[in-house]
Protein backbone atom coordinates (compact mmCIF):
# COMPACT_ATOMS: atom_id res chain seq x y z
CA MET A 1 101.08 138.50 72.81
CA THR A 2 97.53 139.45 73.78
CA ASP A 3 96.09 136.40 72.04
CA ALA A 4 98.61 134.14 73.78
CA LEU A 5 97.75 135.68 77.16
CA VAL A 6 94.04 135.13 76.59
CA ALA A 7 94.66 131.55 75.43
CA SER A 8 96.71 130.87 78.57
CA TYR A 9 94.80 132.76 81.23
CA LEU A 10 91.25 131.92 80.17
CA PRO A 11 91.43 128.16 80.89
CA LEU A 12 93.65 128.72 83.93
CA ILE A 13 91.34 131.20 85.64
CA THR A 14 88.08 129.64 84.46
CA TRP A 15 88.72 126.02 85.36
CA ILE A 16 90.79 126.63 88.50
CA GLY A 17 88.11 129.05 89.71
CA LEU A 18 85.41 126.48 88.95
CA GLY A 19 87.30 123.88 90.96
CA MET A 20 87.74 126.22 93.93
CA ILE A 21 84.07 127.24 93.92
CA GLY A 22 82.54 123.86 93.19
CA CYS A 23 84.61 121.69 95.53
CA ARG A 24 82.38 122.45 98.52
CA TRP A 25 79.50 120.59 96.88
CA LEU A 26 81.50 117.61 95.63
CA PRO A 27 81.58 114.28 97.48
CA GLY A 28 84.87 113.75 99.29
CA MET A 29 86.02 110.92 97.01
CA ILE A 30 85.62 112.87 93.75
CA PRO A 31 88.94 114.77 94.00
CA TYR A 32 90.76 111.55 94.90
CA TRP A 33 89.41 109.60 91.94
CA LEU A 34 89.83 112.55 89.60
CA GLY A 35 93.49 112.77 90.60
CA ARG A 36 93.99 109.02 90.23
CA GLY A 37 92.23 109.06 86.86
CA LEU A 38 94.36 111.89 85.53
CA TYR A 39 97.56 110.30 86.82
CA TRP A 40 96.91 106.81 85.49
CA LEU A 41 94.86 107.58 82.34
CA GLY A 42 94.36 111.24 81.49
CA VAL A 43 97.92 112.57 81.43
CA PRO A 44 99.44 109.36 79.94
CA ILE A 45 96.92 109.45 77.07
CA GLU A 46 97.67 113.16 76.66
CA VAL A 47 101.40 112.39 76.46
CA PHE A 48 100.73 109.52 74.02
CA SER A 49 98.71 111.80 71.74
CA LEU A 50 101.16 114.72 71.90
CA VAL A 51 104.14 112.49 71.11
CA ARG A 52 102.40 111.31 67.92
CA GLN A 53 101.84 114.91 66.82
CA THR A 54 105.26 116.26 67.78
CA ASP A 55 108.31 116.88 65.62
CA PHE A 56 111.29 115.45 67.53
CA SER A 57 113.92 116.58 65.02
CA GLN A 58 114.59 120.00 66.61
CA MET A 59 117.63 119.20 68.79
CA ILE A 60 115.26 117.33 71.08
CA GLY A 61 118.16 115.42 72.62
CA LEU A 62 119.04 118.55 74.58
CA VAL A 63 115.79 118.40 76.55
CA PRO A 64 116.91 115.80 79.14
CA VAL A 65 120.09 117.85 79.65
CA PHE A 66 118.05 120.95 80.46
CA ALA A 67 115.60 118.97 82.61
CA LEU A 68 118.41 117.45 84.65
CA SER A 69 120.19 120.80 84.84
CA THR A 70 117.00 122.39 86.17
CA LEU A 71 116.80 119.80 88.94
CA ALA A 72 120.49 120.19 89.81
CA VAL A 73 120.48 123.99 89.76
CA GLY A 74 117.27 124.10 91.80
CA PHE A 75 118.73 121.78 94.40
CA VAL A 76 121.97 123.76 94.68
CA VAL A 77 120.20 127.14 94.89
CA ALA A 78 117.78 125.79 97.50
CA GLN A 79 120.58 124.30 99.61
CA PHE A 80 122.64 127.49 99.59
CA SER A 81 119.60 129.66 100.37
CA TYR A 82 118.33 127.45 103.21
CA PRO A 83 120.12 129.50 105.92
CA LEU A 84 118.01 132.49 104.80
CA GLN A 85 114.86 130.38 105.03
CA ARG A 86 115.83 129.18 108.49
CA ARG A 87 116.70 132.66 109.71
CA TRP A 88 113.85 134.76 108.35
CA PHE A 89 110.94 132.34 108.08
CA ILE A 90 110.68 130.71 111.47
CA PRO A 91 108.96 127.31 111.22
CA GLN A 92 106.72 125.89 113.88
CA TRP A 93 109.36 123.49 115.22
CA LEU A 94 111.36 126.43 116.60
CA ARG A 95 108.45 127.25 118.87
CA VAL A 96 108.57 123.86 120.59
CA ASN A 97 108.96 124.26 124.34
CA PRO A 98 112.14 122.31 125.27
CA THR A 99 110.61 121.36 128.62
CA GLN A 100 107.79 119.58 126.82
CA ALA A 101 109.81 117.74 124.20
CA SER A 102 112.89 115.60 124.00
CA LEU A 103 116.19 117.09 122.90
CA PHE A 104 115.98 115.11 119.67
CA LEU A 105 112.65 116.48 118.48
CA PRO A 106 113.93 119.82 117.15
CA VAL A 107 116.67 118.09 115.12
CA ALA A 108 114.22 115.63 113.57
CA GLU A 109 111.72 118.39 112.85
CA GLU A 110 114.37 120.56 111.23
CA ARG A 111 115.36 117.71 108.90
CA ALA A 112 111.71 117.23 107.96
CA TYR A 113 111.34 120.96 107.39
CA ARG A 114 114.47 121.13 105.25
CA GLY A 115 113.39 118.14 103.17
CA SER A 116 110.03 119.74 102.42
CA TYR A 117 111.74 123.03 101.60
CA LEU A 118 113.95 121.28 99.03
CA LEU A 119 111.03 119.41 97.47
CA ALA A 120 109.00 122.61 97.18
CA SER A 121 111.93 124.41 95.53
CA VAL A 122 112.84 121.67 93.03
CA LEU A 123 109.78 119.66 91.93
CA GLY A 124 107.53 121.31 89.35
CA ASN A 125 104.01 120.56 88.14
CA THR A 126 105.09 119.97 84.54
CA GLY A 127 102.43 117.38 83.77
CA PHE A 128 99.26 119.28 84.67
CA VAL A 129 100.16 122.98 84.53
CA GLY A 130 103.19 122.99 82.23
CA LEU A 131 101.75 120.88 79.41
CA ALA A 132 98.33 122.50 79.66
CA ILE A 133 99.83 125.96 79.08
CA ALA A 134 102.30 124.74 76.43
CA ILE A 135 99.50 123.23 74.35
CA GLN A 136 97.73 126.60 74.24
CA VAL A 137 100.66 128.76 73.07
CA MET A 138 103.33 126.59 71.41
CA SER A 139 103.53 125.36 67.83
CA PRO A 140 103.54 121.59 67.19
CA GLU A 141 107.09 121.94 65.88
CA TYR A 142 108.45 122.75 69.35
CA LEU A 143 105.80 121.21 71.58
CA GLY A 144 108.02 118.15 71.84
CA TRP A 145 110.40 120.13 74.04
CA ALA A 146 107.67 120.60 76.63
CA VAL A 147 106.46 117.00 76.38
CA PHE A 148 109.94 115.50 76.72
CA PHE A 149 110.77 117.87 79.60
CA ALA A 150 107.58 116.90 81.44
CA VAL A 151 108.28 113.17 81.10
CA THR A 152 111.91 113.59 82.22
CA GLN A 153 110.86 115.71 85.19
CA ASN A 154 108.19 113.19 86.20
CA VAL A 155 110.50 110.19 86.07
CA ILE A 156 113.88 111.52 87.16
CA GLY A 157 112.64 114.52 89.15
CA THR A 158 109.63 113.34 91.12
CA TYR A 159 110.26 109.61 91.36
CA GLY A 160 114.03 109.81 91.31
CA CYS A 161 115.44 112.90 92.99
CA GLY A 162 112.20 113.62 94.86
CA VAL A 163 112.08 110.19 96.47
CA LEU A 164 115.78 110.33 97.33
CA ILE A 165 115.42 113.75 99.00
CA ALA A 166 112.29 112.71 100.88
CA SER A 167 113.78 109.43 102.09
CA TYR A 168 117.03 111.11 103.17
CA TYR A 169 115.36 113.83 105.21
CA GLY A 170 112.34 111.83 106.34
CA ARG A 171 111.31 108.28 107.01
CA ALA A 172 113.23 106.00 104.67
CA THR A 173 111.53 103.07 102.95
CA GLN A 174 112.89 100.01 101.18
CA GLY A 175 114.86 100.63 98.01
CA TRP A 176 112.71 98.19 96.04
CA THR A 177 109.65 100.34 96.76
CA GLN A 178 111.38 103.37 95.24
CA LEU A 179 112.40 101.34 92.19
CA LYS A 180 108.83 100.08 91.80
CA ASP A 181 107.51 103.65 91.90
CA LEU A 182 110.02 104.66 89.24
CA ALA A 183 109.22 101.71 86.97
CA THR A 184 105.45 102.23 87.16
CA VAL A 185 105.25 105.91 86.15
CA PRO A 186 102.40 105.75 83.57
CA SER A 187 103.54 108.83 81.63
CA LEU A 188 106.90 107.16 80.98
CA TRP A 189 105.28 104.07 79.49
CA ALA A 190 102.89 106.22 77.44
CA PHE A 191 105.85 108.15 76.05
CA LEU A 192 107.81 104.99 75.16
CA LEU A 193 104.77 103.28 73.62
CA SER A 194 103.90 106.32 71.52
CA MET A 195 107.49 106.64 70.29
CA ALA A 196 107.42 102.97 69.27
CA LEU A 197 104.11 103.42 67.38
CA ARG A 198 104.84 106.76 65.70
CA SER A 199 105.17 105.11 62.29
CA VAL A 200 101.88 103.21 62.68
CA GLU A 201 98.88 104.92 61.08
CA PHE A 202 95.86 104.84 63.38
CA PRO A 203 92.24 104.89 62.16
CA THR A 204 90.83 108.40 61.80
CA GLY A 205 88.32 107.79 64.58
CA LEU A 206 91.05 106.79 67.04
CA GLU A 207 93.19 109.83 66.19
CA THR A 208 90.15 112.06 66.70
CA ALA A 209 89.44 110.41 70.05
CA LEU A 210 93.02 110.99 71.18
CA ASN A 211 92.85 114.67 70.24
CA THR A 212 89.50 115.02 72.03
CA GLU A 213 90.98 113.44 75.16
CA VAL A 214 93.76 116.05 75.21
CA ASN A 215 91.15 118.82 75.13
CA LEU A 216 89.33 117.12 78.02
CA VAL A 217 92.38 116.56 80.22
CA ILE A 218 93.31 120.26 80.31
CA PRO A 219 90.12 121.52 82.04
CA LEU A 220 89.96 118.48 84.33
CA ALA A 221 93.56 119.05 85.44
CA PHE A 222 92.88 122.72 86.19
CA ILE A 223 89.65 121.85 88.03
CA LEU A 224 91.60 119.41 90.19
CA ILE A 225 94.19 122.10 90.94
CA GLY A 226 91.38 124.45 92.00
CA ILE A 227 89.89 121.79 94.26
CA ARG A 228 93.23 121.04 95.89
CA LEU A 229 94.00 124.72 96.39
CA ARG A 230 90.62 125.22 98.05
CA GLN A 231 91.33 122.30 100.37
CA LEU A 232 94.77 123.50 101.49
CA PRO A 233 94.54 123.97 105.27
CA ASN A 234 97.50 126.29 105.79
CA TRP A 235 96.93 129.46 103.80
CA GLN A 236 98.00 131.41 106.89
CA SER A 237 101.49 129.89 106.52
CA LEU A 238 102.17 131.39 103.09
CA LYS A 239 105.20 133.28 104.41
CA LEU A 240 106.98 129.92 104.76
CA ALA A 241 106.67 129.51 101.00
CA LEU A 242 108.08 132.88 99.90
CA LEU A 243 111.66 131.71 99.30
CA PRO A 244 110.91 128.31 97.68
CA THR A 245 108.31 130.00 95.47
CA LEU A 246 110.83 132.66 94.44
CA ILE A 247 113.31 129.92 93.55
CA LYS A 248 110.75 127.80 91.71
CA VAL A 249 108.86 130.33 89.59
CA LEU A 250 111.42 133.12 89.10
CA ILE A 251 115.08 132.25 89.76
CA LEU A 252 115.08 128.81 88.10
CA PRO A 253 113.33 129.86 84.87
CA LEU A 254 115.55 132.93 84.54
CA LEU A 255 118.72 130.88 85.02
CA MET A 256 117.64 128.11 82.65
CA GLY A 257 116.28 130.59 80.11
CA GLY A 258 119.61 132.41 80.14
CA LEU A 259 121.41 129.11 79.60
CA ALA A 260 119.10 128.18 76.71
CA TRP A 261 119.61 131.62 75.14
CA GLY A 262 123.38 131.29 75.54
CA VAL A 263 123.34 127.94 73.74
CA GLY A 264 121.54 129.62 70.84
CA LEU A 265 118.22 127.78 70.93
CA HIS A 266 115.16 128.89 68.99
CA ARG A 267 112.86 131.24 70.89
CA GLU A 268 110.10 128.62 71.23
CA ALA A 269 112.59 126.13 72.63
CA ILE A 270 113.72 128.81 75.10
CA PHE A 271 110.10 129.40 76.09
CA ALA A 272 109.55 125.67 76.63
CA ILE A 273 112.57 125.51 78.95
CA VAL A 274 111.52 128.65 80.83
CA LEU A 275 107.91 127.53 81.19
CA MET A 276 108.75 124.04 82.40
CA ALA A 277 111.50 125.22 84.75
CA GLY A 278 109.07 127.77 86.23
CA THR A 279 106.02 125.56 86.78
CA PRO A 280 104.53 125.76 90.30
CA THR A 281 105.44 123.30 93.02
CA ALA A 282 104.15 119.84 92.17
CA PHE A 283 101.38 118.20 94.18
CA ALA A 284 103.75 115.24 94.29
CA ALA A 285 105.80 117.25 96.80
CA LEU A 286 102.88 117.08 99.23
CA ILE A 287 102.39 113.36 98.54
CA LEU A 288 106.07 112.71 99.28
CA ALA A 289 105.90 114.90 102.39
CA GLU A 290 103.01 112.81 103.70
CA GLU A 291 104.59 109.49 102.73
CA TYR A 292 107.97 110.25 104.30
CA GLU A 293 106.66 112.25 107.28
CA LEU A 294 108.14 115.60 106.28
CA ASN A 295 106.79 119.07 107.09
CA ARG A 296 103.45 119.59 105.31
CA ASP A 297 103.01 123.31 106.01
CA ILE A 298 105.74 124.45 103.64
CA THR A 299 104.69 122.13 100.80
CA THR A 300 101.01 123.07 100.92
CA SER A 301 101.84 126.77 101.16
CA SER A 302 104.34 126.52 98.29
CA ILE A 303 101.78 124.84 96.05
CA ALA A 304 99.32 127.68 96.66
CA LEU A 305 101.79 130.57 96.38
CA SER A 306 103.70 129.23 93.37
CA THR A 307 100.43 128.61 91.49
CA MET A 308 99.57 132.28 92.00
CA GLY A 309 103.15 133.12 91.04
CA ILE A 310 102.96 131.54 87.60
CA LEU A 311 99.79 133.52 86.90
CA ALA A 312 101.70 136.71 87.66
CA LEU A 313 104.83 135.79 85.69
CA LEU A 314 103.25 134.18 82.63
CA PRO A 315 103.16 137.52 80.72
CA LEU A 316 106.93 137.82 81.23
CA TRP A 317 107.56 134.34 79.82
CA LEU A 318 105.27 135.05 76.86
CA LEU A 319 107.20 138.26 76.24
CA ILE A 320 110.35 136.13 76.11
CA LEU A 321 108.62 133.88 73.56
CA GLU A 322 107.76 136.93 71.46
CA LYS A 323 111.06 138.84 71.72
CA ALA A 324 113.75 136.16 72.11
């Protein structure tokens, strides 16, 4: 397990730390273009390459079931635990002076707060963090579980359930816009294209270039995470993120890991489910919060706290991989 810990922690700490330290000297547009580049090119090419190398014969059809179950269980747990969040972690909207605001402001702000709370508890960073860790510690035989989970989470989770939650609790937009977002997820098209071309033999140089790109995407993704963490303005609001972080990085992976174990899956398949279910809150949650005018404090704080949470819990998940 020591080798797996080193393989996981070394790139996480090194590249995230480099991003946090170096962001102060970077031009303001660099993080934006790095994020756009990873979203539209880096991660899709990574998915394309991994699909070509992955064995999809290991009960891979169960992956969407577990991905959808993770979203559903996360949503239910978050909804039932929201009264605790509302009672013990007082958001800023409760401090509004009624004499200075209309009677409708607290209701609207509570809906925005609840929407952000649900997004932070449900949406995981499977593309950047999840796949980057999975590549380091999983065998090619079962890596397909992580890849398929990440694609399903991106499409159905972020651009399906995430958009529906955000539009319900925030400012709704036209349905065709949501459908366009869903249809233009680049990782989905990369996955479908790679599946269609799996039987086609590529030139050796092209295969080498694809493998090299995967090794480049991992540090760039972690550097971007470090930059974004350094830029988060609300570190003092971390207490707002305690409950959604607990749901996202501890309760969900334990529940889904128990389900996977009960079904009788191989230990590496169990680890893939646990890892992907327990990835930190996705940056897409903040993007949706901004787009649909939800509460930004809880999403930014959840991103920071859940990223630290996966660093603390990764040894436990690797122990599951070793002992399951």
